[in-house]
Amino acid sequence: MPTPPPETSRRPPPPRSRRRPTGPRWRTSWAEASGPPPSRISAGAAISIASAASIPAGSVVGGIVDRVGAQRVLQVANLAQGVGFAAYLVVDSFTGVLLSTVLVSVGRTAFWGSFGATVAVISRPGERGLWFGFLGALRNVGFALGGLVSGLAISIGTETAYAAIVVANAVSYALAYLLLRAVPNTVVHSTYDAGERREGWGVVLRDRRYGLLVLTQAAFSMSMMALNFAMPIYATETLGLPGWVAGALFTINTVMVGCGQGLLVRSLTGRVRNRVLLVANLAFAASYVVLLGATRASVVAATLLVLGGVAIYSPGEMLGGPVLADTGASSPDLV
């Protein structure tokens, strides 16, 4: 007669702890979830809701800048983003992460709504394009360094590494806040007399030149998003190219913009702005044609075409960004 197994072997395993991870680990566990995607859906929902919440903020930032000054709005934007990132270290629920992400998103919207006005105030009228070009190049260098550091953190894959990225972001906004305290705040004084009726959005919408500038800016912004989203997905998912190609796209763009934008903008002195913008959009269109040509090419040829396409795309960014920023800060009549 066989001996029954020891009684201890029949005991069920101790129940696993159901305690929800807190802090940054709870947030990164969304991105790392590999099963049915309630975690990923929650992460996507938080980001989507935060993005939607920041849309109305963009329509009121300009009026606030006119009333209180661009520098003050920029400072509030830096504080909002810094607090939002610092909150990621302590929140432990979907609601907490959502509120933190909303704060960061609204702060980012306020930043871009006041950044150009701040540069326009502290730079000389004839040098605004150069400053916008320089700051754009510097921003791309920051993107490159941030990408390298983030990639290193993902490679390490520990809670400490993820938390370090969050802390670095929060500290960077605090540092920006301290440095910008030395920038003067200028309020644009109203030209309306007492009791005179102020015009609203109707005047803005009826301004055809300004409408043209807005449409041009919208087309440029869509092309800017192509590098961040469409091109990497197109290269890896549609064309089936290796993953390193997506990284190479950002590397080529970052090097070209970081090293060449200042020189290119300086060479535009005396050029007609609408012609420069036309060339920028032609560069974008040409890059899309080259990328489309990679659909029926071999892997090697498709890789070369995709990398060549981003090399054609980058001058469009270098030309259009500073010119549109300078024109928006000056007058649509200059287009």
C-alpha atoms as a PDB file:
ATOM      1  CA  MET A   1       0.000   0.000   0.000  1.00  0.00           C
ATOM      2  CA  PRO A   2       1.574   3.308  -1.066  1.00  0.00           C
ATOM      3  CA  THR A   3       2.501   5.753   1.642  1.00  0.00           C
ATOM      4  CA  PRO A   4       0.467   8.941   1.446  1.00  0.00           C
ATOM      5  CA  PRO A   5       2.450  12.090   0.885  1.00  0.00           C
ATOM      6  CA  PRO A   6       3.291  14.188   3.887  1.00  0.00           C
ATOM      7  CA  GLU A   7       0.481  16.305   5.222  1.00  0.00           C
ATOM      8  CA  THR A   8       2.471  19.460   4.642  1.00  0.00           C
ATOM      9  CA  SER A   9       2.461  18.838   0.873  1.00  0.00           C
ATOM     10  CA  ARG A  10      -1.313  19.083   0.843  1.00  0.00           C
ATOM     11  CA  ARG A  11      -1.354  22.550   2.312  1.00  0.00           C
ATOM     12  CA  PRO A  12      -2.267  25.234  -0.203  1.00  0.00           C
ATOM     13  CA  PRO A  13       0.424  27.790  -0.931  1.00  0.00           C
ATOM     14  CA  PRO A  14       0.184  30.950   1.112  1.00  0.00           C
ATOM     15  CA  PRO A  15      -1.928  33.590  -0.588  1.00  0.00           C
ATOM     16  CA  ARG A  16      -0.069  36.228  -2.473  1.00  0.00           C
ATOM     17  CA  SER A  17      -0.224  39.722  -1.175  1.00  0.00           C
ATOM     18  CA  ARG A  18      -2.768  41.810  -2.989  1.00  0.00           C
ATOM     19  CA  ARG A  19      -1.304  45.078  -1.776  1.00  0.00           C
ATOM     20  CA  ARG A  20      -1.086  47.512  -4.674  1.00  0.00           C
ATOM     21  CA  PRO A  21       2.445  48.720  -5.340  1.00  0.00           C
ATOM     22  CA  THR A  22       2.865  52.366  -4.546  1.00  0.00           C
ATOM     23  CA  GLY A  23       4.833  55.258  -5.897  1.00  0.00           C
ATOM     24  CA  PRO A  24       6.620  55.120  -9.207  1.00  0.00           C
ATOM     25  CA  ARG A  25       6.537  51.327  -9.302  1.00  0.00           C
ATOM     26  CA  TRP A  26       2.730  51.382  -9.533  1.00  0.00           C
ATOM     27  CA  ARG A  27       2.995  53.746 -12.465  1.00  0.00           C
ATOM     28  CA  THR A  28       5.695  51.741 -14.265  1.00  0.00           C
ATOM     29  CA  SER A  29       3.809  48.500 -13.633  1.00  0.00           C
ATOM     30  CA  TRP A  30       1.180  49.830 -16.062  1.00  0.00           C
ATOM     31  CA  ALA A  31       3.722  50.021 -18.824  1.00  0.00           C
ATOM     32  CA  GLU A  32       5.161  46.616 -17.948  1.00  0.00           C
ATOM     33  CA  ALA A  33       1.832  44.791 -17.727  1.00  0.00           C
ATOM     34  CA  SER A  34       1.785  41.952 -20.213  1.00  0.00           C
ATOM     35  CA  GLY A  35      -1.522  40.279 -19.555  1.00  0.00           C
ATOM     36  CA  PRO A  36      -5.054  41.538 -20.310  1.00  0.00           C
ATOM     37  CA  PRO A  37      -4.431  45.091 -20.423  1.00  0.00           C
ATOM     38  CA  PRO A  38      -6.421  46.686 -17.605  1.00  0.00           C
ATOM     39  CA  SER A  39      -3.188  48.332 -16.462  1.00  0.00           C
ATOM     40  CA  ARG A  40      -2.295  49.582 -19.921  1.00  0.00           C
ATOM     41  CA  ILE A  41      -5.848  50.745 -20.484  1.00  0.00           C
ATOM     42  CA  SER A  42      -5.682  52.690 -17.221  1.00  0.00           C
ATOM     43  CA  ALA A  43      -2.399  54.293 -18.244  1.00  0.00           C
ATOM     44  CA  GLY A  44      -3.769  55.209 -21.655  1.00  0.00           C
ATOM     45  CA  ALA A  45      -6.953  56.551 -20.095  1.00  0.00           C
ATOM     46  CA  ALA A  46      -5.003  58.797 -17.727  1.00  0.00           C
ATOM     47  CA  ILE A  47      -2.880  60.209 -20.528  1.00  0.00           C
ATOM     48  CA  SER A  48      -5.872  60.690 -22.838  1.00  0.00           C
ATOM     49  CA  ILE A  49      -7.966  62.432 -20.187  1.00  0.00           C
ATOM     50  CA  ALA A  50      -5.047  64.663 -19.248  1.00  0.00           C
ATOM     51  CA  SER A  51      -4.448  65.589 -22.875  1.00  0.00           C
ATOM     52  CA  ALA A  52      -8.120  66.420 -23.345  1.00  0.00           C
ATOM     53  CA  ALA A  53      -8.108  68.537 -20.185  1.00  0.00           C
ATOM     54  CA  SER A  54      -5.163  70.576 -21.467  1.00  0.00           C
ATOM     55  CA  ILE A  55      -6.896  71.535 -24.736  1.00  0.00           C
ATOM     56  CA  PRO A  56      -9.155  74.233 -23.234  1.00  0.00           C
ATOM     57  CA  ALA A  57      -6.161  75.639 -21.358  1.00  0.00           C
ATOM     58  CA  GLY A  58      -4.496  76.529 -24.636  1.00  0.00           C
ATOM     59  CA  SER A  59      -7.311  78.887 -25.597  1.00  0.00           C
ATOM     60  CA  VAL A  60      -7.018  80.964 -22.415  1.00  0.00           C
ATOM     61  CA  VAL A  61      -3.250  81.049 -21.892  1.00  0.00           C
ATOM     62  CA  GLY A  62      -2.787  83.873 -24.392  1.00  0.00           C
ATOM     63  CA  GLY A  63      -5.250  86.139 -22.599  1.00  0.00           C
ATOM     64  CA  ILE A  64      -3.614  85.414 -19.245  1.00  0.00           C
ATOM     65  CA  VAL A  65      -0.192  86.235 -20.729  1.00  0.00           C
ATOM     66  CA  ASP A  66      -1.540  89.586 -21.924  1.00  0.00           C
ATOM     67  CA  ARG A  67      -2.902  90.388 -18.477  1.00  0.00           C
ATOM     68  CA  VAL A  68      -0.160  89.227 -16.102  1.00  0.00           C
ATOM     69  CA  GLY A  69       2.914  88.856 -18.330  1.00  0.00           C
ATOM     70  CA  ALA A  70       4.587  85.949 -20.079  1.00  0.00           C
ATOM     71  CA  GLN A  71       7.291  85.412 -17.477  1.00  0.00           C
ATOM     72  CA  ARG A  72       4.790  84.838 -14.670  1.00  0.00           C
ATOM     73  CA  VAL A  73       2.810  82.331 -16.706  1.00  0.00           C
ATOM     74  CA  LEU A  74       6.041  80.559 -17.652  1.00  0.00           C
ATOM     75  CA  GLN A  75       7.007  80.346 -13.989  1.00  0.00           C
ATOM     76  CA  VAL A  76       3.628  78.907 -13.003  1.00  0.00           C
ATOM     77  CA  ALA A  77       3.974  76.387 -15.852  1.00  0.00           C
ATOM     78  CA  ASN A  78       7.364  75.252 -14.562  1.00  0.00           C
ATOM     79  CA  LEU A  79       6.023  74.911 -11.024  1.00  0.00           C
ATOM     80  CA  ALA A  80       2.996  72.931 -12.218  1.00  0.00           C
ATOM     81  CA  GLN A  81       5.117  70.475 -14.165  1.00  0.00           C
ATOM     82  CA  GLY A  82       7.647  70.128 -11.342  1.00  0.00           C
ATOM     83  CA  VAL A  83       4.932  69.433  -8.765  1.00  0.00           C
ATOM     84  CA  GLY A  84       3.225  67.022 -11.149  1.00  0.00           C
ATOM     85  CA  PHE A  85       6.374  64.957 -11.618  1.00  0.00           C
ATOM     86  CA  ALA A  86       7.179  65.013  -7.903  1.00  0.00           C
ATOM     87  CA  ALA A  87       3.670  63.721  -7.184  1.00  0.00           C
ATOM     88  CA  TYR A  88       4.364  60.611  -9.265  1.00  0.00           C
ATOM     89  CA  LEU A  89       6.640  59.460  -6.455  1.00  0.00           C
ATOM     90  CA  VAL A  90       3.866  59.338  -3.861  1.00  0.00           C
ATOM     91  CA  VAL A  91       0.563  58.661  -5.633  1.00  0.00           C
ATOM     92  CA  ASP A  92      -0.793  55.126  -5.360  1.00  0.00           C
ATOM     93  CA  SER A  93      -4.112  55.212  -7.208  1.00  0.00           C
ATOM     94  CA  PHE A  94      -5.497  55.853 -10.659  1.00  0.00           C
ATOM     95  CA  THR A  95      -7.046  59.119  -9.477  1.00  0.00           C
ATOM     96  CA  GLY A  96      -3.726  60.322  -8.103  1.00  0.00           C
ATOM     97  CA  VAL A  97      -1.866  59.505 -11.286  1.00  0.00           C
ATOM     98  CA  LEU A  98      -4.625  61.131 -13.350  1.00  0.00           C
ATOM     99  CA  LEU A  99      -4.490  64.373 -11.369  1.00  0.00           C
ATOM    100  CA  SER A 100      -0.697  64.457 -11.579  1.00  0.00           C
ATOM    101  CA  THR A 101      -0.782  63.883 -15.328  1.00  0.00           C
ATOM    102  CA  VAL A 102      -3.431  66.582 -15.788  1.00  0.00           C
ATOM    103  CA  LEU A 103      -1.234  69.012 -13.861  1.00  0.00           C
ATOM    104  CA  VAL A 104       1.773  68.183 -16.020  1.00  0.00           C
ATOM    105  CA  SER A 105      -0.241  68.445 -19.249  1.00  0.00           C
ATOM    106  CA  VAL A 106      -1.822  71.793 -18.369  1.00  0.00           C
ATOM    107  CA  GLY A 107       1.572  73.074 -17.255  1.00  0.00           C
ATOM    108  CA  ARG A 108       3.096  72.009 -20.555  1.00  0.00           C
ATOM    109  CA  THR A 109       0.352  73.829 -22.454  1.00  0.00           C
ATOM    110  CA  ALA A 110       0.920  76.976 -20.408  1.00  0.00           C
ATOM    111  CA  PHE A 111       4.662  76.683 -20.997  1.00  0.00           C
ATOM    112  CA  TRP A 112       4.371  76.656 -24.780  1.00  0.00           C
ATOM    113  CA  GLY A 113       1.743  79.398 -24.650  1.00  0.00           C
ATOM    114  CA  SER A 114       4.124  81.728 -22.816  1.00  0.00           C
ATOM    115  CA  PHE A 115       7.538  80.565 -24.032  1.00  0.00           C
ATOM    116  CA  GLY A 116       7.466  82.380 -27.378  1.00  0.00           C
ATOM    117  CA  ALA A 117       6.166  85.575 -25.805  1.00  0.00           C
ATOM    118  CA  THR A 118       8.959  85.481 -23.216  1.00  0.00           C
ATOM    119  CA  VAL A 119      11.613  85.090 -25.894  1.00  0.00           C
ATOM    120  CA  ALA A 120      10.032  87.906 -27.916  1.00  0.00           C
ATOM    121  CA  VAL A 121      10.143  90.233 -24.908  1.00  0.00           C
ATOM    122  CA  ILE A 122      13.762  89.661 -23.897  1.00  0.00           C
ATOM    123  CA  SER A 123      15.272  89.551 -27.419  1.00  0.00           C
ATOM    124  CA  ARG A 124      15.807  92.355 -29.871  1.00  0.00           C
ATOM    125  CA  PRO A 125      13.345  92.452 -32.791  1.00  0.00           C
ATOM    126  CA  GLY A 126      16.047  91.776 -35.377  1.00  0.00           C
ATOM    127  CA  GLU A 127      17.461  88.830 -33.420  1.00  0.00           C
ATOM    128  CA  ARG A 128      14.304  86.895 -32.554  1.00  0.00           C
ATOM    129  CA  GLY A 129      14.708  84.405 -35.374  1.00  0.00           C
ATOM    130  CA  LEU A 130      18.272  83.666 -34.277  1.00  0.00           C
ATOM    131  CA  TRP A 131      17.170  83.122 -30.694  1.00  0.00           C
ATOM    132  CA  PHE A 132      14.306  80.848 -31.679  1.00  0.00           C
ATOM    133  CA  GLY A 133      16.696  78.868 -33.872  1.00  0.00           C
ATOM    134  CA  PHE A 134      19.271  78.582 -31.100  1.00  0.00           C
ATOM    135  CA  LEU A 135      16.699  77.524 -28.508  1.00  0.00           C
ATOM    136  CA  GLY A 136      15.225  74.992 -30.918  1.00  0.00           C
ATOM    137  CA  ALA A 137      18.655  73.452 -31.459  1.00  0.00           C
ATOM    138  CA  LEU A 138      19.305  73.434 -27.727  1.00  0.00           C
ATOM    139  CA  ARG A 139      15.947  71.749 -27.146  1.00  0.00           C
ATOM    140  CA  ASN A 140      16.883  68.962 -29.555  1.00  0.00           C
ATOM    141  CA  VAL A 141      20.135  68.409 -27.689  1.00  0.00           C
ATOM    142  CA  GLY A 142      18.045  68.057 -24.536  1.00  0.00           C
ATOM    143  CA  PHE A 143      15.815  65.526 -26.292  1.00  0.00           C
ATOM    144  CA  ALA A 144      18.875  63.503 -27.252  1.00  0.00           C
ATOM    145  CA  LEU A 145      20.329  63.506 -23.737  1.00  0.00           C
ATOM    146  CA  GLY A 146      16.939  62.728 -22.226  1.00  0.00           C
ATOM    147  CA  GLY A 147      16.461  59.837 -24.624  1.00  0.00           C
ATOM    148  CA  LEU A 148      19.851  58.374 -23.744  1.00  0.00           C
ATOM    149  CA  VAL A 149      19.261  58.659 -20.003  1.00  0.00           C
ATOM    150  CA  SER A 150      15.729  57.247 -20.279  1.00  0.00           C
ATOM    151  CA  GLY A 151      17.000  54.354 -22.376  1.00  0.00           C
ATOM    152  CA  LEU A 152      19.603  53.634 -19.715  1.00  0.00           C
ATOM    153  CA  ALA A 153      16.919  53.655 -17.013  1.00  0.00           C
ATOM    154  CA  ILE A 154      14.748  51.249 -19.020  1.00  0.00           C
ATOM    155  CA  SER A 155      17.753  48.975 -19.554  1.00  0.00           C
ATOM    156  CA  ILE A 156      18.411  48.909 -15.798  1.00  0.00           C
ATOM    157  CA  GLY A 157      14.720  48.311 -15.138  1.00  0.00           C
ATOM    158  CA  THR A 158      14.713  48.896 -11.382  1.00  0.00           C
ATOM    159  CA  GLU A 159      12.404  51.004  -9.246  1.00  0.00           C
ATOM    160  CA  THR A 160      15.334  53.218  -8.310  1.00  0.00           C
ATOM    161  CA  ALA A 161      16.176  53.884 -11.951  1.00  0.00           C
ATOM    162  CA  TYR A 162      12.583  54.828 -12.789  1.00  0.00           C
ATOM    163  CA  ALA A 163      12.320  57.030  -9.714  1.00  0.00           C
ATOM    164  CA  ALA A 164      15.590  58.756 -10.650  1.00  0.00           C
ATOM    165  CA  ILE A 165      14.094  59.820 -13.991  1.00  0.00           C
ATOM    166  CA  VAL A 166      11.053  61.279 -12.240  1.00  0.00           C
ATOM    167  CA  VAL A 167      13.245  63.109  -9.717  1.00  0.00           C
ATOM    168  CA  ALA A 168      15.479  64.468 -12.490  1.00  0.00           C
ATOM    169  CA  ASN A 169      12.452  65.887 -14.294  1.00  0.00           C
ATOM    170  CA  ALA A 170      11.096  67.518 -11.142  1.00  0.00           C
ATOM    171  CA  VAL A 171      14.504  69.018 -10.317  1.00  0.00           C
ATOM    172  CA  SER A 172      14.923  70.345 -13.864  1.00  0.00           C
ATOM    173  CA  TYR A 173      11.659  72.304 -13.596  1.00  0.00           C
ATOM    174  CA  ALA A 174      12.681  73.667 -10.193  1.00  0.00           C
ATOM    175  CA  LEU A 175      16.006  74.774 -11.662  1.00  0.00           C
ATOM    176  CA  ALA A 176      14.246  76.433 -14.604  1.00  0.00           C
ATOM    177  CA  TYR A 177      11.997  78.276 -12.166  1.00  0.00           C
ATOM    178  CA  LEU A 178      14.982  79.627 -10.232  1.00  0.00           C
ATOM    179  CA  LEU A 179      16.866  80.696 -13.359  1.00  0.00           C
ATOM    180  CA  LEU A 180      13.839  82.458 -14.854  1.00  0.00           C
ATOM    181  CA  ARG A 181      13.436  84.637 -11.769  1.00  0.00           C
ATOM    182  CA  ALA A 182      16.087  86.875 -13.312  1.00  0.00           C
ATOM    183  CA  VAL A 183      14.015  87.364 -16.486  1.00  0.00           C
ATOM    184  CA  PRO A 184      11.948  90.580 -16.383  1.00  0.00           C
ATOM    185  CA  ASN A 185       8.198  90.314 -16.621  1.00  0.00           C
ATOM    186  CA  THR A 186       6.570  92.644 -19.138  1.00  0.00           C
ATOM    187  CA  VAL A 187       2.825  93.228 -19.329  1.00  0.00           C
ATOM    188  CA  VAL A 188       1.389  94.482 -22.610  1.00  0.00           C
ATOM    189  CA  HIS A 189      -0.684  97.534 -21.705  1.00  0.00           C
ATOM    190  CA  SER A 190      -4.137  97.639 -23.209  1.00  0.00           C
ATOM    191  CA  THR A 191      -4.866 100.261 -25.858  1.00  0.00           C
ATOM    192  CA  TYR A 192      -8.567 100.366 -24.953  1.00  0.00           C
ATOM    193  CA  ASP A 193      -9.960 103.474 -23.299  1.00  0.00           C
ATOM    194  CA  ALA A 194     -12.082 103.311 -20.201  1.00  0.00           C
ATOM    195  CA  GLY A 195     -15.553 102.085 -21.036  1.00  0.00           C
ATOM    196  CA  GLU A 196     -14.586 101.058 -24.539  1.00  0.00           C
ATOM    197  CA  ARG A 197     -15.853  97.669 -25.646  1.00  0.00           C
ATOM    198  CA  ARG A 198     -13.160  95.020 -26.004  1.00  0.00           C
ATOM    199  CA  GLU A 199     -13.231  92.835 -29.078  1.00  0.00           C
ATOM    200  CA  GLY A 200     -13.364  89.070 -28.669  1.00  0.00           C
ATOM    201  CA  TRP A 201     -12.524  85.952 -30.638  1.00  0.00           C
ATOM    202  CA  GLY A 202     -14.637  87.113 -33.555  1.00  0.00           C
ATOM    203  CA  VAL A 203     -12.035  89.688 -34.569  1.00  0.00           C
ATOM    204  CA  VAL A 204      -9.304  87.071 -34.426  1.00  0.00           C
ATOM    205  CA  LEU A 205     -11.271  84.582 -36.494  1.00  0.00           C
ATOM    206  CA  ARG A 206     -12.087  87.196 -39.146  1.00  0.00           C
ATOM    207  CA  ASP A 207      -8.430  88.141 -39.588  1.00  0.00           C
ATOM    208  CA  ARG A 208      -7.477  86.300 -42.782  1.00  0.00           C
ATOM    209  CA  ARG A 209      -3.735  86.838 -42.432  1.00  0.00           C
ATOM    210  CA  TYR A 210      -3.791  85.515 -38.908  1.00  0.00           C
ATOM    211  CA  GLY A 211      -5.940  82.597 -40.046  1.00  0.00           C
ATOM    212  CA  LEU A 212      -3.333  81.776 -42.673  1.00  0.00           C
ATOM    213  CA  LEU A 213      -0.655  81.813 -39.990  1.00  0.00           C
ATOM    214  CA  VAL A 214      -2.715  79.477 -37.793  1.00  0.00           C
ATOM    215  CA  LEU A 215      -3.284  77.017 -40.642  1.00  0.00           C
ATOM    216  CA  THR A 216       0.409  77.070 -41.510  1.00  0.00           C
ATOM    217  CA  GLN A 217       1.299  76.461 -37.870  1.00  0.00           C
ATOM    218  CA  ALA A 218      -1.203  73.585 -37.671  1.00  0.00           C
ATOM    219  CA  ALA A 219       0.281  71.918 -40.773  1.00  0.00           C
ATOM    220  CA  PHE A 220       3.786  72.368 -39.374  1.00  0.00           C
ATOM    221  CA  SER A 221       2.773  70.896 -36.009  1.00  0.00           C
ATOM    222  CA  MET A 222       1.284  67.825 -37.696  1.00  0.00           C
ATOM    223  CA  SER A 223       4.529  67.256 -39.550  1.00  0.00           C
ATOM    224  CA  MET A 224       6.457  67.659 -36.316  1.00  0.00           C
ATOM    225  CA  MET A 225       4.355  64.881 -34.786  1.00  0.00           C
ATOM    226  CA  ALA A 226       5.212  62.604 -37.716  1.00  0.00           C
ATOM    227  CA  LEU A 227       8.771  62.185 -36.445  1.00  0.00           C
ATOM    228  CA  ASN A 228       7.656  61.280 -32.931  1.00  0.00           C
ATOM    229  CA  PHE A 229       4.878  58.851 -33.804  1.00  0.00           C
ATOM    230  CA  ALA A 230       4.246  58.066 -37.460  1.00  0.00           C
ATOM    231  CA  MET A 231       7.787  57.471 -38.712  1.00  0.00           C
ATOM    232  CA  PRO A 232       8.959  55.016 -36.004  1.00  0.00           C
ATOM    233  CA  ILE A 233       5.732  53.000 -36.239  1.00  0.00           C
ATOM    234  CA  TYR A 234       5.837  53.078 -40.028  1.00  0.00           C
ATOM    235  CA  ALA A 235       9.455  51.871 -40.057  1.00  0.00           C
ATOM    236  CA  THR A 236       9.079  49.052 -37.535  1.00  0.00           C
ATOM    237  CA  GLU A 237       5.467  47.921 -37.950  1.00  0.00           C
ATOM    238  CA  THR A 238       4.570  48.623 -41.591  1.00  0.00           C
ATOM    239  CA  LEU A 239       7.968  48.037 -43.169  1.00  0.00           C
ATOM    240  CA  GLY A 240       9.147  45.485 -40.592  1.00  0.00           C
ATOM    241  CA  LEU A 241      12.558  47.101 -40.166  1.00  0.00           C
ATOM    242  CA  PRO A 242      14.753  46.417 -37.120  1.00  0.00           C
ATOM    243  CA  GLY A 243      14.046  48.383 -33.961  1.00  0.00           C
ATOM    244  CA  TRP A 244      17.345  50.271 -34.129  1.00  0.00           C
ATOM    245  CA  VAL A 245      16.054  52.118 -37.206  1.00  0.00           C
ATOM    246  CA  ALA A 246      13.512  53.964 -35.064  1.00  0.00           C
ATOM    247  CA  GLY A 247      16.295  55.119 -32.763  1.00  0.00           C
ATOM    248  CA  ALA A 248      18.419  56.122 -35.728  1.00  0.00           C
ATOM    249  CA  LEU A 249      15.617  58.393 -36.962  1.00  0.00           C
ATOM    250  CA  PHE A 250      15.786  60.463 -33.783  1.00  0.00           C
ATOM    251  CA  THR A 251      19.577  60.425 -33.783  1.00  0.00           C
ATOM    252  CA  ILE A 252      19.846  61.786 -37.327  1.00  0.00           C
ATOM    253  CA  ASN A 253      17.223  64.447 -36.671  1.00  0.00           C
ATOM    254  CA  THR A 254      18.759  65.484 -33.366  1.00  0.00           C
ATOM    255  CA  VAL A 255      22.271  65.788 -34.777  1.00  0.00           C
ATOM    256  CA  MET A 256      21.126  67.734 -37.826  1.00  0.00           C
ATOM    257  CA  VAL A 257      18.943  70.158 -35.870  1.00  0.00           C
ATOM    258  CA  GLY A 258      21.354  70.512 -32.962  1.00  0.00           C
ATOM    259  CA  CYS A 259      24.352  71.228 -35.155  1.00  0.00           C
ATOM    260  CA  GLY A 260      22.802  72.948 -38.144  1.00  0.00           C
ATOM    261  CA  GLN A 261      19.771  74.972 -37.118  1.00  0.00           C
ATOM    262  CA  GLY A 262      21.703  77.964 -35.809  1.00  0.00           C
ATOM    263  CA  LEU A 263      23.815  78.228 -38.948  1.00  0.00           C
ATOM    264  CA  LEU A 264      20.818  77.728 -41.220  1.00  0.00           C
ATOM    265  CA  VAL A 265      18.726  80.384 -39.483  1.00  0.00           C
ATOM    266  CA  ARG A 266      21.605  82.847 -39.604  1.00  0.00           C
ATOM    267  CA  SER A 267      21.814  82.361 -43.375  1.00  0.00           C
ATOM    268  CA  LEU A 268      18.121  83.307 -43.736  1.00  0.00           C
ATOM    269  CA  THR A 269      18.720  86.956 -42.898  1.00  0.00           C
ATOM    270  CA  GLY A 270      16.978  89.081 -45.520  1.00  0.00           C
ATOM    271  CA  ARG A 271      14.937  86.199 -46.933  1.00  0.00           C
ATOM    272  CA  VAL A 272      11.180  86.464 -47.533  1.00  0.00           C
ATOM    273  CA  ARG A 273       9.445  84.459 -44.835  1.00  0.00           C
ATOM    274  CA  ASN A 274       6.653  82.939 -46.891  1.00  0.00           C
ATOM    275  CA  ARG A 275       9.233  81.561 -49.318  1.00  0.00           C
ATOM    276  CA  VAL A 276      11.190  80.028 -46.450  1.00  0.00           C
ATOM    277  CA  LEU A 277       8.013  78.387 -45.157  1.00  0.00           C
ATOM    278  CA  LEU A 278       7.265  77.116 -48.661  1.00  0.00           C
ATOM    279  CA  VAL A 279      10.689  75.469 -48.826  1.00  0.00           C
ATOM    280  CA  ALA A 280      10.137  73.957 -45.365  1.00  0.00           C
ATOM    281  CA  ASN A 281       6.850  72.368 -46.411  1.00  0.00           C
ATOM    282  CA  LEU A 282       8.382  71.123 -49.645  1.00  0.00           C
ATOM    283  CA  ALA A 283      11.071  69.400 -47.587  1.00  0.00           C
ATOM    284  CA  PHE A 284       8.382  67.699 -45.507  1.00  0.00           C
ATOM    285  CA  ALA A 285       6.483  66.596 -48.619  1.00  0.00           C
ATOM    286  CA  ALA A 286       9.639  65.275 -50.293  1.00  0.00           C
ATOM    287  CA  SER A 287      10.519  63.243 -47.195  1.00  0.00           C
ATOM    288  CA  TYR A 288       7.074  61.622 -47.178  1.00  0.00           C
ATOM    289  CA  VAL A 289       7.468  60.653 -50.841  1.00  0.00           C
ATOM    290  CA  VAL A 290      10.821  59.032 -50.066  1.00  0.00           C
ATOM    291  CA  LEU A 291       9.329  57.163 -47.100  1.00  0.00           C
ATOM    292  CA  LEU A 292       6.459  55.954 -49.260  1.00  0.00           C
ATOM    293  CA  GLY A 293       8.959  54.600 -51.782  1.00  0.00           C
ATOM    294  CA  ALA A 294      10.306  52.238 -49.127  1.00  0.00           C
ATOM    295  CA  THR A 295       7.144  50.117 -49.113  1.00  0.00           C
ATOM    296  CA  ARG A 296       8.279  47.938 -52.036  1.00  0.00           C
ATOM    297  CA  ALA A 297      12.007  47.944 -51.364  1.00  0.00           C
ATOM    298  CA  SER A 298      14.181  45.297 -49.775  1.00  0.00           C
ATOM    299  CA  VAL A 299      15.092  45.574 -46.105  1.00  0.00           C
ATOM    300  CA  VAL A 300      18.452  47.187 -46.839  1.00  0.00           C
ATOM    301  CA  ALA A 301      17.029  49.588 -49.416  1.00  0.00           C
ATOM    302  CA  ALA A 302      14.046  50.417 -47.206  1.00  0.00           C
ATOM    303  CA  THR A 303      16.376  51.187 -44.308  1.00  0.00           C
ATOM    304  CA  LEU A 304      18.424  53.560 -46.454  1.00  0.00           C
ATOM    305  CA  LEU A 305      15.286  55.224 -47.799  1.00  0.00           C
ATOM    306  CA  VAL A 306      13.818  55.735 -44.311  1.00  0.00           C
ATOM    307  CA  LEU A 307      17.063  57.200 -42.987  1.00  0.00           C
ATOM    308  CA  GLY A 308      17.369  59.347 -46.094  1.00  0.00           C
ATOM    309  CA  GLY A 309      13.775  60.472 -45.667  1.00  0.00           C
ATOM    310  CA  VAL A 310      14.409  61.818 -42.165  1.00  0.00           C
ATOM    311  CA  ALA A 311      17.527  63.570 -43.463  1.00  0.00           C
ATOM    312  CA  ILE A 312      15.290  65.395 -45.972  1.00  0.00           C
ATOM    313  CA  TYR A 313      12.629  65.980 -43.313  1.00  0.00           C
ATOM    314  CA  SER A 314      14.987  67.658 -40.809  1.00  0.00           C
ATOM    315  CA  PRO A 315      15.701  70.831 -42.867  1.00  0.00           C
ATOM    316  CA  GLY A 316      11.944  71.423 -42.968  1.00  0.00           C
ATOM    317  CA  GLU A 317      11.940  71.480 -39.177  1.00  0.00           C
ATOM    318  CA  MET A 318      15.029  73.696 -39.045  1.00  0.00           C
ATOM    319  CA  LEU A 319      13.533  76.207 -41.481  1.00  0.00           C
ATOM    320  CA  GLY A 320       9.910  76.268 -40.377  1.00  0.00           C
ATOM    321  CA  GLY A 321      10.229  76.267 -36.596  1.00  0.00           C
ATOM    322  CA  PRO A 322      12.164  79.511 -36.018  1.00  0.00           C
ATOM    323  CA  VAL A 323      10.389  81.396 -38.818  1.00  0.00           C
ATOM    324  CA  LEU A 324       6.911  80.510 -37.542  1.00  0.00           C
ATOM    325  CA  ALA A 325       7.861  81.301 -33.955  1.00  0.00           C
ATOM    326  CA  ASP A 326       9.341  84.659 -34.920  1.00  0.00           C
ATOM    327  CA  THR A 327       6.381  85.508 -37.165  1.00  0.00           C
ATOM    328  CA  GLY A 328       3.858  84.619 -34.474  1.00  0.00           C
ATOM    329  CA  ALA A 329       5.721  86.817 -32.002  1.00  0.00           C
ATOM    330  CA  SER A 330       5.895  89.693 -34.471  1.00  0.00           C
ATOM    331  CA  SER A 331       2.959  89.989 -36.856  1.00  0.00           C
ATOM    332  CA  PRO A 332       1.144  87.770 -39.365  1.00  0.00           C
ATOM    333  CA  ASP A 333       1.609  90.574 -41.895  1.00  0.00           C
ATOM    334  CA  LEU A 334       5.257  89.526 -42.135  1.00  0.00           C
ATOM    335  CA  VAL A 335       4.387  86.184 -43.739  1.00  0.00           C
END
